[in-house]
N, C-alpha and C. Protein backbone atom coordinates (compact mmCIF):
# COMPACT_ATOMS: atom_id res chain seq x y z
N UNK A 1 -27.47 -7.58 8.39
CA UNK A 1 -26.82 -8.80 8.21
C UNK A 1 -25.19 -8.03 8.39
N UNK A 2 -24.39 -8.91 9.42
CA UNK A 2 -23.06 -8.23 9.50
C UNK A 2 -21.90 -9.14 8.90
N UNK A 3 -21.20 -8.47 8.23
CA UNK A 3 -19.98 -9.28 7.44
C UNK A 3 -18.71 -8.44 7.84
N UNK A 4 -17.63 -9.17 8.19
CA UNK A 4 -16.19 -8.50 8.58
C UNK A 4 -15.54 -8.75 7.01
N UNK A 5 -15.05 -7.82 6.55
CA UNK A 5 -14.03 -8.36 5.18
C UNK A 5 -12.64 -7.73 5.75
N UNK A 6 -11.71 -8.28 5.22
CA UNK A 6 -10.39 -8.00 5.46
C UNK A 6 -9.51 -8.28 4.02
N UNK A 7 -9.61 -7.31 3.32
CA UNK A 7 -9.42 -7.35 2.06
C UNK A 7 -8.33 -6.45 2.03
N UNK A 8 -7.39 -6.59 0.71
CA UNK A 8 -6.47 -5.32 0.28
C UNK A 8 -6.52 -5.09 -1.22
N UNK A 9 -6.33 -3.93 -1.41
CA UNK A 9 -6.57 -3.20 -2.99
C UNK A 9 -6.68 -3.94 -4.13
N UNK A 10 -4.87 -4.68 -4.13
CA UNK A 10 -5.28 -5.79 -4.87
C UNK A 10 -6.02 -6.60 -5.03
N UNK A 11 -6.75 -7.27 -3.96
CA UNK A 11 -7.46 -8.31 -4.21
C UNK A 11 -9.05 -7.66 -5.01
N UNK A 12 -9.14 -6.24 -4.68
CA UNK A 12 -10.50 -5.95 -5.43
C UNK A 12 -9.90 -5.29 -6.54
N UNK A 13 -8.81 -5.19 -6.98
CA UNK A 13 -8.66 -4.90 -8.25
C UNK A 13 -8.46 -5.58 -8.83
N UNK A 14 -8.20 -7.10 -8.76
CA UNK A 14 -8.00 -8.12 -9.41
C UNK A 14 -9.46 -8.35 -9.58
N UNK A 15 -10.25 -8.12 -8.78
CA UNK A 15 -11.73 -8.70 -9.01
C UNK A 15 -12.55 -8.16 -9.56
N UNK A 16 -12.22 -6.46 -9.88
CA UNK A 16 -13.55 -5.25 -10.39
C UNK A 16 -12.44 -4.75 -11.63
N UNK A 17 -11.20 -5.15 -12.04
CA UNK A 17 -10.48 -4.32 -12.73
C UNK A 17 -9.93 -3.43 -11.88
N UNK A 18 -8.72 -3.19 -12.58
CA UNK A 18 -7.64 -2.10 -12.07
C UNK A 18 -8.34 -0.47 -11.70
N UNK A 19 -8.61 -0.50 -11.04
CA UNK A 19 -9.30 1.05 -10.64
C UNK A 19 -8.08 2.11 -10.24
N UNK A 20 -7.39 1.60 -9.41
CA UNK A 20 -6.00 2.47 -9.20
C UNK A 20 -4.80 2.20 -9.77
N UNK A 21 -3.90 3.06 -9.87
CA UNK A 21 -2.54 3.07 -10.51
C UNK A 21 -1.48 2.74 -9.51
N UNK A 22 -0.92 1.25 -9.87
CA UNK A 22 0.26 0.81 -9.37
C UNK A 22 0.92 1.89 -9.39
N UNK A 23 2.22 2.02 -8.49
CA UNK A 23 2.17 1.44 -7.28
C UNK A 23 1.30 2.50 -6.54
N UNK A 24 0.70 3.23 -6.41
CA UNK A 24 -0.04 3.94 -5.46
C UNK A 24 -1.01 3.38 -4.73
N UNK A 25 -0.32 2.24 -3.94
CA UNK A 25 -1.49 1.65 -2.78
C UNK A 25 -1.53 2.86 -1.51
N UNK A 26 -2.36 3.03 -1.22
CA UNK A 26 -2.75 4.15 -0.06
C UNK A 26 -2.99 3.34 1.17
N UNK A 27 -3.34 1.97 0.96
CA UNK A 27 -4.17 1.38 2.16
C UNK A 27 -3.11 -0.07 2.00
N UNK A 28 -3.06 -0.51 3.38
CA UNK A 28 -2.33 -1.74 3.95
C UNK A 28 -3.46 -2.92 4.07
N UNK A 29 -4.49 -2.41 4.84
CA UNK A 29 -5.63 -3.69 5.20
C UNK A 29 -6.74 -2.66 5.37
N UNK A 30 -8.07 -3.35 4.97
CA UNK A 30 -9.21 -2.97 5.02
C UNK A 30 -10.34 -3.66 5.54
N UNK A 31 -11.05 -3.56 6.67
CA UNK A 31 -11.89 -4.60 7.08
C UNK A 31 -13.46 -3.81 6.89
N UNK A 32 -14.40 -4.05 6.89
CA UNK A 32 -15.41 -3.68 6.89
C UNK A 32 -16.57 -4.33 7.88
N UNK A 33 -17.89 -3.66 7.82
CA UNK A 33 -18.99 -4.66 8.57
C UNK A 33 -20.01 -3.82 8.19
N UNK A 34 -21.04 -4.76 7.89
CA UNK A 34 -22.36 -4.05 7.40
C UNK A 34 -23.09 -3.64 8.45
N UNK A 35 -23.78 -2.55 8.76
CA UNK A 35 -24.94 -1.97 9.46
C UNK A 35 -25.83 -1.41 8.76
N UNK A 36 -27.11 -2.47 8.53
CA UNK A 36 -27.85 -2.04 7.54
C UNK A 36 -27.42 -1.36 6.40
N UNK A 37 -27.75 -0.16 6.04
CA UNK A 37 -27.04 0.56 4.57
C UNK A 37 -25.82 1.34 5.11
N UNK A 38 -25.28 0.89 5.96
CA UNK A 38 -24.04 1.91 6.51
C UNK A 38 -23.35 0.87 6.61
N UNK A 39 -21.93 1.10 6.31
CA UNK A 39 -20.72 0.37 6.11
C UNK A 39 -20.13 0.82 7.29
N UNK A 40 -19.26 -0.17 8.12
CA UNK A 40 -18.29 0.80 9.20
C UNK A 40 -16.98 0.48 8.63
N UNK A 41 -16.08 1.19 8.43
CA UNK A 41 -14.68 0.52 7.78
C UNK A 41 -13.62 1.04 8.68
N UNK A 42 -12.72 -0.09 8.89
CA UNK A 42 -11.32 0.64 9.44
C UNK A 42 -10.31 0.01 8.64
N UNK A 43 -9.42 1.07 8.22
CA UNK A 43 -8.39 0.35 7.18
C UNK A 43 -7.22 1.05 8.12
N UNK A 44 -6.01 0.50 7.50
CA UNK A 44 -4.61 0.84 7.62
C UNK A 44 -3.49 1.27 6.86
N UNK A 45 -2.59 1.95 7.12
CA UNK A 45 -1.42 1.97 5.99
C UNK A 45 -0.19 2.65 6.73
N UNK A 46 0.96 1.37 6.47
CA UNK A 46 1.81 1.85 7.23
C UNK A 46 3.27 2.95 6.61
N UNK A 47 3.31 4.07 6.89
CA UNK A 47 3.75 5.21 6.21
C UNK A 47 5.20 4.67 6.02
N UNK A 48 5.82 4.19 4.55
CA UNK A 48 7.16 4.05 4.43
C UNK A 48 8.16 5.01 3.78
N UNK A 49 9.29 4.99 4.23
CA UNK A 49 9.92 5.98 3.55
C UNK A 49 10.38 5.64 1.97
N UNK A 50 9.96 4.59 1.58
CA UNK A 50 10.46 4.06 0.14
C UNK A 50 9.15 4.21 -0.53
N UNK A 51 8.09 4.52 -0.27
CA UNK A 51 6.90 4.69 -0.94
C UNK A 51 6.99 5.96 -1.90
N UNK A 52 6.99 5.56 -3.43
CA UNK A 52 7.36 6.06 -4.30
C UNK A 52 7.07 7.78 -3.80
N UNK A 53 5.98 7.94 -3.55
CA UNK A 53 5.31 9.55 -3.48
C UNK A 53 5.79 9.85 -2.11
N UNK A 54 7.09 9.49 -1.21
CA UNK A 54 7.44 9.78 -0.48
C UNK A 54 9.15 10.84 -0.74
N UNK A 55 9.22 10.22 -2.18
CA UNK A 55 10.67 10.98 -2.64
C UNK A 55 11.02 12.28 -2.56
N UNK A 56 11.34 13.31 -2.25
CA UNK A 56 11.34 14.65 -2.14
C UNK A 56 10.33 15.58 -1.78
N UNK A 57 9.26 14.67 -1.01
CA UNK A 57 8.40 15.88 -0.08
C UNK A 57 8.69 15.25 1.67
N UNK A 58 9.43 15.74 2.10
CA UNK A 58 10.47 16.80 1.81
C UNK A 58 11.73 16.58 1.76
N UNK A 59 12.86 16.90 0.93
CA UNK A 59 13.91 16.66 0.98
C UNK A 59 14.39 16.54 2.88
N UNK A 60 15.18 15.63 3.45
CA UNK A 60 15.66 15.66 4.62
C UNK A 60 14.64 15.28 5.36
N UNK A 61 13.32 15.67 5.34
CA UNK A 61 12.27 15.62 6.10
C UNK A 61 10.77 15.34 5.95
N UNK A 62 11.28 13.78 5.56
CA UNK A 62 9.87 13.22 4.36
C UNK A 62 8.42 13.21 5.38
N UNK A 63 7.43 14.04 4.59
CA UNK A 63 5.78 13.57 5.35
C UNK A 63 5.31 13.25 4.41
N UNK A 64 4.33 12.25 4.78
CA UNK A 64 3.28 11.69 4.00
C UNK A 64 2.64 12.69 3.58
N UNK A 65 2.50 12.87 2.14
CA UNK A 65 1.36 14.08 1.49
C UNK A 65 0.29 13.87 1.66
N UNK A 66 -0.54 15.05 2.33
CA UNK A 66 -1.98 15.18 2.14
C UNK A 66 -2.80 14.84 1.47
N UNK A 67 -2.07 14.91 0.14
CA UNK A 67 -3.10 13.92 -1.07
C UNK A 67 -3.32 12.97 -0.66
N UNK A 68 -2.41 12.13 -0.60
CA UNK A 68 -2.18 10.33 -0.16
C UNK A 68 -2.71 10.03 1.20
N UNK A 69 -3.12 10.93 2.10
CA UNK A 69 -4.08 10.86 3.20
C UNK A 69 -5.14 10.81 2.77
N UNK A 70 -5.68 11.87 1.66
CA UNK A 70 -7.27 11.90 1.13
C UNK A 70 -7.35 10.55 0.36
N UNK A 71 -6.40 10.12 -0.49
CA UNK A 71 -6.58 9.02 -1.11
C UNK A 71 -6.36 7.64 -0.24
N UNK A 72 -6.15 7.65 0.87
CA UNK A 72 -6.15 6.68 1.61
C UNK A 72 -7.20 6.69 2.41
N UNK A 73 -8.19 7.29 2.56
CA UNK A 73 -9.73 7.86 2.94
C UNK A 73 -10.20 6.84 1.85
N UNK A 74 -10.19 7.47 0.55
CA UNK A 74 -10.70 7.31 -0.65
C UNK A 74 -11.01 5.52 -1.25
N UNK A 75 -9.60 5.18 -1.01
CA UNK A 75 -8.99 3.56 -1.40
C UNK A 75 -9.85 2.96 -0.23
N UNK A 76 -9.63 3.31 1.22
CA UNK A 76 -10.47 2.54 1.99
C UNK A 76 -12.20 2.29 1.74
N UNK A 77 -12.62 3.29 1.18
CA UNK A 77 -13.92 3.38 1.17
C UNK A 77 -14.61 2.57 -0.01
N UNK A 78 -13.78 2.86 -1.19
CA UNK A 78 -13.75 2.01 -2.63
C UNK A 78 -13.45 0.92 -2.47
N UNK A 79 -12.29 0.11 -1.40
CA UNK A 79 -12.80 -1.26 -1.52
C UNK A 79 -13.64 -2.03 -0.66
N UNK A 80 -13.92 -1.19 0.79
CA UNK A 80 -15.26 -1.71 1.48
C UNK A 80 -16.53 -1.79 0.49
N UNK A 81 -16.71 -0.89 -0.57
CA UNK A 81 -18.10 -0.91 -1.19
C UNK A 81 -17.89 -1.82 -2.48
N UNK A 82 -16.57 -1.92 -2.84
CA UNK A 82 -16.49 -3.25 -3.84
C UNK A 82 -16.89 -4.76 -3.67
N UNK A 83 -16.20 -4.55 -1.97
CA UNK A 83 -16.66 -5.93 -1.54
C UNK A 83 -18.22 -6.30 -1.43
N UNK A 84 -19.00 -5.12 -0.87
CA UNK A 84 -20.15 -4.97 -0.38
C UNK A 84 -21.09 -5.14 -1.81
N UNK A 85 -20.68 -4.33 -2.57
CA UNK A 85 -21.94 -4.51 -4.12
C UNK A 85 -21.42 -5.05 -4.97
N UNK A 86 -19.91 -5.88 -4.91
CA UNK A 86 -19.37 -6.01 -6.05
C UNK A 86 -19.20 -5.52 -7.34
N UNK A 87 -19.42 -3.76 -7.17
CA UNK A 87 -18.83 -2.94 -8.30
C UNK A 87 -17.58 -2.03 -7.90
N UNK A 88 -17.32 -1.16 -8.98
CA UNK A 88 -15.99 -0.42 -8.43
C UNK A 88 -16.56 0.76 -8.16
N UNK A 89 -15.77 1.42 -7.11
CA UNK A 89 -16.21 2.85 -6.95
C UNK A 89 -14.76 3.60 -6.63
N UNK A 90 -15.34 5.11 -6.71
CA UNK A 90 -14.12 6.19 -6.90
C UNK A 90 -14.55 7.41 -5.68
N UNK A 91 -13.56 7.97 -4.88
CA UNK A 91 -14.37 9.20 -4.64
C UNK A 91 -14.36 10.36 -5.49
N UNK A 92 -15.58 10.82 -5.62
CA UNK A 92 -15.79 11.60 -6.57
C UNK A 92 -16.23 12.87 -6.29
N UNK A 93 -16.00 13.34 -4.96
CA UNK A 93 -16.29 14.46 -4.20
C UNK A 93 -15.92 14.66 -2.79
N UNK A 94 -15.37 15.85 -2.45
CA UNK A 94 -14.74 16.17 -1.40
C UNK A 94 -15.19 17.60 -0.50
N UNK A 95 -15.91 17.03 0.37
CA UNK A 95 -17.10 18.08 0.93
C UNK A 95 -16.42 19.09 1.70
N UNK A 96 -15.22 18.40 2.60
CA UNK A 96 -14.39 19.08 3.81
C UNK A 96 -13.15 17.89 3.88
N UNK A 97 -11.90 18.32 4.13
CA UNK A 97 -10.91 18.20 4.58
C UNK A 97 -10.29 18.52 5.36
N UNK A 98 -9.61 18.20 6.45
CA UNK A 98 -8.35 18.80 7.43
C UNK A 98 -7.23 17.70 7.61
N UNK A 99 -6.28 18.25 7.83
CA UNK A 99 -5.28 17.85 7.80
C UNK A 99 -4.74 18.21 9.42
N UNK A 100 -4.22 17.64 10.49
CA UNK A 100 -4.17 18.12 11.48
C UNK A 100 -3.12 17.62 12.11
N UNK A 101 -2.08 16.93 11.74
CA UNK A 101 -0.59 16.45 12.36
C UNK A 101 -0.28 15.88 11.21
N UNK A 102 1.01 15.80 11.07
CA UNK A 102 1.86 15.11 10.20
C UNK A 102 2.27 13.72 10.38
N UNK A 103 2.20 13.06 9.11
CA UNK A 103 2.62 11.47 9.00
C UNK A 103 4.08 11.31 8.68
N UNK A 104 4.91 10.80 9.28
CA UNK A 104 6.12 10.22 9.18
C UNK A 104 6.35 9.00 9.07
N UNK A 105 7.67 8.46 7.79
CA UNK A 105 8.18 7.23 8.09
C UNK A 105 8.09 6.74 9.34
N UNK A 106 7.64 5.31 9.42
CA UNK A 106 7.67 4.78 10.59
C UNK A 106 6.15 4.90 11.03
N UNK A 107 5.48 6.06 10.85
CA UNK A 107 3.75 5.96 10.94
C UNK A 107 3.58 5.11 10.64
N UNK A 108 1.88 4.57 11.38
CA UNK A 108 1.12 3.98 10.93
C UNK A 108 -0.30 4.29 11.10
N UNK A 109 -1.05 4.69 10.07
CA UNK A 109 -2.37 5.72 9.94
C UNK A 109 -3.48 4.72 10.00
N UNK A 110 -4.32 4.94 11.27
CA UNK A 110 -5.42 4.05 10.71
C UNK A 110 -6.35 5.01 10.80
N UNK A 111 -7.68 4.63 9.94
CA UNK A 111 -8.93 5.26 9.18
C UNK A 111 -9.84 4.70 9.92
N UNK A 112 -10.80 5.30 10.19
CA UNK A 112 -11.95 4.68 10.35
C UNK A 112 -13.13 5.66 9.82
N UNK A 113 -14.10 5.18 9.26
CA UNK A 113 -14.82 5.47 8.27
C UNK A 113 -16.30 4.98 8.61
N UNK A 114 -17.67 6.11 8.35
CA UNK A 114 -18.73 5.24 7.94
C UNK A 114 -19.31 5.83 6.79
N UNK A 115 -19.81 4.43 5.95
CA UNK A 115 -20.16 4.73 4.81
C UNK A 115 -21.61 4.60 4.55
N UNK A 116 -22.39 5.97 4.07
CA UNK A 116 -23.84 5.24 4.06
C UNK A 116 -24.29 5.18 2.44
N UNK A 117 -24.44 4.03 2.28
CA UNK A 117 -24.82 3.36 0.64
C UNK A 117 -26.04 3.80 0.56
N UNK A 118 -25.90 4.31 -1.12
CA UNK A 118 -27.25 4.65 -1.96
C UNK A 118 -27.05 4.03 -3.00
N UNK A 119 -28.20 4.03 -3.97
CA UNK A 119 -28.23 3.52 -5.35
C UNK A 119 -27.08 3.46 -5.85
N UNK A 120 -26.67 4.96 -5.95
CA UNK A 120 -25.61 5.34 -6.98
C UNK A 120 -24.44 5.67 -6.58
N UNK A 121 -24.47 6.18 -5.49
CA UNK A 121 -23.13 6.95 -4.31
C UNK A 121 -23.68 6.86 -2.76
N UNK A 122 -22.61 7.08 -2.85
CA UNK A 122 -22.50 6.74 -1.18
C UNK A 122 -21.63 7.95 -0.04
N UNK A 123 -22.35 8.39 1.31
CA UNK A 123 -21.90 9.22 1.59
C UNK A 123 -20.60 8.72 2.43
N UNK A 124 -19.19 9.15 2.87
CA UNK A 124 -18.21 8.88 3.37
C UNK A 124 -17.94 10.00 4.65
N UNK A 125 -17.77 9.65 5.86
CA UNK A 125 -17.29 10.39 6.94
C UNK A 125 -16.32 9.58 7.69
N UNK A 126 -15.10 10.72 7.90
CA UNK A 126 -14.10 9.48 8.33
C UNK A 126 -12.69 10.36 9.08
N UNK A 127 -12.27 9.35 10.15
CA UNK A 127 -10.90 9.84 10.79
C UNK A 127 -10.11 9.22 10.60
N UNK A 128 -9.01 9.78 10.55
CA UNK A 128 -7.76 9.38 10.82
C UNK A 128 -6.65 9.35 11.94
N UNK A 129 -6.10 8.54 12.49
CA UNK A 129 -5.23 8.73 13.53
C UNK A 129 -4.08 7.51 13.21
N UNK A 130 -2.97 8.51 14.00
CA UNK A 130 -1.81 7.91 14.06
C UNK A 130 -1.90 6.60 15.16
N UNK A 131 -0.25 5.94 15.16
CA UNK A 131 -0.44 4.71 16.22
C UNK A 131 -0.49 5.29 17.64
N UNK A 132 -0.19 6.77 17.58
CA UNK A 132 -0.36 7.32 19.07
C UNK A 132 -1.80 7.88 19.97
N UNK A 133 -2.34 7.44 18.69
CA UNK A 133 -4.12 8.06 18.71
C UNK A 133 -4.24 9.77 18.37
N UNK A 134 -2.94 10.61 17.82
CA UNK A 134 -3.49 11.63 17.64
C UNK A 134 -4.01 11.74 16.23
N UNK A 135 -4.87 12.67 16.24
CA UNK A 135 -5.64 12.75 15.00
C UNK A 135 -4.92 13.30 13.71
N UNK A 136 -4.87 13.05 12.66
CA UNK A 136 -4.24 13.74 11.86
C UNK A 136 -4.67 14.10 10.36
N UNK A 137 -6.38 13.62 10.50
CA UNK A 137 -7.13 13.91 9.49
C UNK A 137 -8.42 14.07 9.78
N UNK A 138 -9.54 14.59 8.87
CA UNK A 138 -10.78 14.09 8.76
C UNK A 138 -10.82 14.49 7.31
N UNK A 139 -11.94 13.54 6.69
CA UNK A 139 -12.82 13.61 5.51
C UNK A 139 -14.21 13.67 5.66
N UNK A 140 -14.98 13.89 4.77
CA UNK A 140 -16.19 14.10 4.41
C UNK A 140 -16.41 14.19 2.88
N UNK A 141 -17.06 13.33 2.64
CA UNK A 141 -17.22 13.21 0.86
C UNK A 141 -18.59 12.57 0.06
N UNK A 142 -18.25 12.20 -1.13
CA UNK A 142 -19.06 11.55 -1.78
C UNK A 142 -18.40 10.14 -2.76
N UNK A 143 -18.75 8.97 -2.51
CA UNK A 143 -18.06 7.80 -3.54
C UNK A 143 -19.27 7.61 -4.60
N UNK A 144 -18.63 7.62 -5.99
CA UNK A 144 -19.77 7.39 -6.85
C UNK A 144 -19.26 5.88 -7.53
N UNK A 145 -19.91 5.05 -8.32
CA UNK A 145 -19.80 3.98 -8.59
C UNK A 145 -18.82 4.21 -10.11
N UNK A 146 -18.21 3.39 -10.42
CA UNK A 146 -17.40 3.91 -11.79
C UNK A 146 -17.59 3.10 -12.95
N UNK A 147 -17.84 3.75 -13.93
CA UNK A 147 -18.79 3.32 -15.06
C UNK A 147 -17.70 3.21 -15.91
N UNK A 148 -17.51 1.86 -16.57
CA UNK A 148 -16.45 1.68 -17.91
C UNK A 148 -16.94 1.98 -18.94
N UNK A 149 -16.45 2.43 -19.90
CA UNK A 149 -16.98 2.68 -21.55
C UNK A 149 -17.00 1.34 -21.89
N UNK A 150 -17.67 0.95 -22.72
CA UNK A 150 -17.90 -0.60 -23.29
C UNK A 150 -16.78 -0.14 -24.53
N UNK A 151 -16.25 -1.16 -25.07
CA UNK A 151 -15.36 -1.26 -26.13
C UNK A 151 -16.65 -0.72 -27.54
N UNK A 152 -15.83 -0.52 -28.36
CA UNK A 152 -17.06 0.21 -29.71
C UNK A 152 -17.37 -1.18 -30.12
N UNK A 153 -16.59 -2.46 -30.38
CA UNK A 153 -16.97 -3.96 -30.90
C UNK A 153 -18.30 -4.64 -29.77
N UNK A 154 -18.32 -4.31 -28.89
CA UNK A 154 -19.33 -4.98 -27.96
C UNK A 154 -20.50 -4.86 -28.15
N UNK A 155 -21.26 -5.77 -28.37
CA UNK A 155 -22.61 -5.77 -28.29
C UNK A 155 -23.58 -5.26 -26.93
N UNK A 156 -24.85 -5.07 -27.20
CA UNK A 156 -25.44 -4.29 -25.61
C UNK A 156 -26.23 -5.83 -25.02
N UNK A 157 -26.32 -6.56 -26.45
CA UNK A 157 -27.31 -7.82 -26.16
C UNK A 157 -26.59 -8.72 -25.54
């Protein structure tokens, strides 16, 4: 069955409980298409010089931090998986990551991911490109379901 999902991180946070700390939203748009046990994910993020993580990185020549490109990959996969499964997910392991070109204010990064879903984990592999088509990053890793501890006063029954 094929389903297209256009979702924002705020939608998922509201639906599944806040998984990501505001204001560190690393995706502006997420679309996902189900292809059997795989999700084909497309996401976008406009790099804005006023984003809180841009200040001081680097003074006089702001560059989108590599750790936030990793977060863009992770949040895109988490949003798609949450919409697909109804559960919260996070990037648990990075097998490989490459930063290939800088992202600066005004750039739009487009992330394409293939997410292989499993029972409790999902393998993710993707690339990121600037609006001019230049590949800026690659990531391979593993997503895992987020398990929230129960409050001490709650009953299991």
